[in-house]
Amino acid sequence: MTDLIVVSHEAHWQRLKRLVLDSVSSPITRRVYNLGLDKFFAWYGEEPRPGFTKATVCAWRVALEARGLGTVSINVRITAVCKLAVETVPATRKASV
């Protein structure tokens, strides 16, 4: 099969986000992660970024700090993004990390 399937960025993002949300059992954590990931995705799409790297996550933290958010709010949002990184790393890389 050589058919090309075009997937929108939004559909791809929803699938990645679902990986994270399905990996947590607490409904409260799921809700907070959902909001945090949506905010990250919106921020990420505001301007060209070099990719999903540690530097990008650090830039996200700086953006959150600039908004005047408290430490707990920032940490919850960063934790959701870190969970995204963990859930989207290929299994072969997880074994070596």
Protein backbone atom coordinates (compact mmCIF):
# COMPACT_ATOMS: atom_id res chain seq x y z
CA MET A 1 0.00 0.00 0.00
CA THR A 2 1.49 3.30 -1.07
CA ASP A 3 -1.40 5.67 -0.36
CA LEU A 4 -0.40 8.90 1.33
CA ILE A 5 -2.49 9.76 4.35
CA VAL A 6 -2.44 13.38 5.39
CA VAL A 7 -2.99 13.94 9.10
CA SER A 8 -3.60 17.44 10.37
CA HIS A 9 -1.39 18.84 13.11
CA GLU A 10 -4.46 19.05 15.33
CA ALA A 11 -5.32 15.37 14.84
CA HIS A 12 -1.71 14.36 15.48
CA TRP A 13 -1.60 16.53 18.59
CA GLN A 14 -4.85 15.02 19.91
CA ARG A 15 -3.42 11.53 19.46
CA LEU A 16 -0.21 12.45 21.33
CA LYS A 17 -2.18 14.15 24.07
CA ARG A 18 -4.37 11.05 24.43
CA LEU A 19 -1.20 8.99 25.10
CA VAL A 20 -0.43 11.20 28.07
CA LEU A 21 -3.96 11.40 29.41
CA ASP A 22 -4.49 7.65 29.14
CA SER A 23 -1.32 7.04 31.16
CA VAL A 24 -2.62 8.75 34.31
CA SER A 25 -5.34 7.29 36.48
CA SER A 26 -6.41 10.31 38.51
CA PRO A 27 -9.28 12.30 36.93
CA ILE A 28 -7.93 15.47 38.53
CA THR A 29 -4.43 14.91 37.12
CA ARG A 30 -5.95 14.08 33.73
CA ARG A 31 -7.92 17.35 33.73
CA VAL A 32 -4.91 19.46 34.78
CA TYR A 33 -2.61 17.76 32.25
CA ASN A 34 -5.21 18.26 29.51
CA LEU A 35 -5.33 22.00 30.19
CA GLY A 36 -1.55 22.27 30.52
CA LEU A 37 -0.91 20.41 27.28
CA ASP A 38 -3.45 22.52 25.40
CA LYS A 39 -1.72 25.70 26.65
CA PHE A 40 1.67 24.31 25.62
CA PHE A 41 0.40 23.37 22.16
CA ALA A 42 -1.10 26.85 21.67
CA TRP A 43 2.16 28.49 22.77
CA TYR A 44 4.22 26.14 20.61
CA GLY A 45 2.19 27.06 17.52
CA GLU A 46 2.44 30.82 18.02
CA GLU A 47 5.79 31.05 16.22
CA PRO A 48 8.31 28.76 14.54
CA ARG A 49 10.09 26.51 17.04
CA PRO A 50 13.15 24.29 16.51
CA GLY A 51 11.19 21.18 17.50
CA PHE A 52 10.19 19.42 20.68
CA THR A 53 13.48 19.64 22.53
CA LYS A 54 14.69 20.34 26.05
CA ALA A 55 15.41 23.91 24.93
CA THR A 56 11.78 24.26 23.82
CA VAL A 57 10.54 23.06 27.22
CA CYS A 58 12.92 25.53 28.93
CA ALA A 59 11.56 28.32 26.72
CA TRP A 60 8.03 27.27 27.75
CA ARG A 61 9.07 27.57 31.41
CA VAL A 62 10.46 31.06 30.77
CA ALA A 63 7.20 32.05 29.05
CA LEU A 64 5.20 30.78 32.03
CA GLU A 65 7.43 32.68 34.46
CA ALA A 66 7.02 35.84 32.39
CA ARG A 67 3.25 35.50 32.78
CA GLY A 68 3.76 35.67 36.54
CA LEU A 69 2.51 32.17 37.32
CA GLY A 70 3.44 30.66 40.67
CA THR A 71 5.92 27.83 41.07
CA VAL A 72 3.24 25.16 41.57
CA SER A 73 1.32 26.22 38.45
CA ILE A 74 4.50 26.23 36.39
CA ASN A 75 5.61 22.84 37.70
CA VAL A 76 2.26 21.22 36.92
CA ARG A 77 2.40 22.50 33.35
CA ILE A 78 6.02 21.43 32.91
CA THR A 79 5.25 18.00 34.37
CA ALA A 80 2.51 17.50 31.79
CA VAL A 81 4.94 18.38 28.99
CA CYS A 82 7.62 16.07 30.44
CA LYS A 83 5.04 13.28 30.56
CA LEU A 84 4.38 13.99 26.89
CA ALA A 85 8.08 13.50 26.18
CA VAL A 86 8.16 10.23 28.11
CA GLU A 87 5.04 8.85 26.43
CA THR A 88 6.16 9.77 22.91
CA VAL A 89 9.74 8.48 23.07
CA PRO A 90 9.99 5.32 20.96
CA ALA A 91 10.24 2.12 23.02
CA THR A 92 13.78 1.49 21.76
CA ARG A 93 14.95 4.79 23.22
CA LYS A 94 13.07 4.24 26.50
CA ALA A 95 15.14 1.13 27.17
CA SER A 96 18.38 3.09 26.86
CA VAL A 97 17.27 6.14 28.87
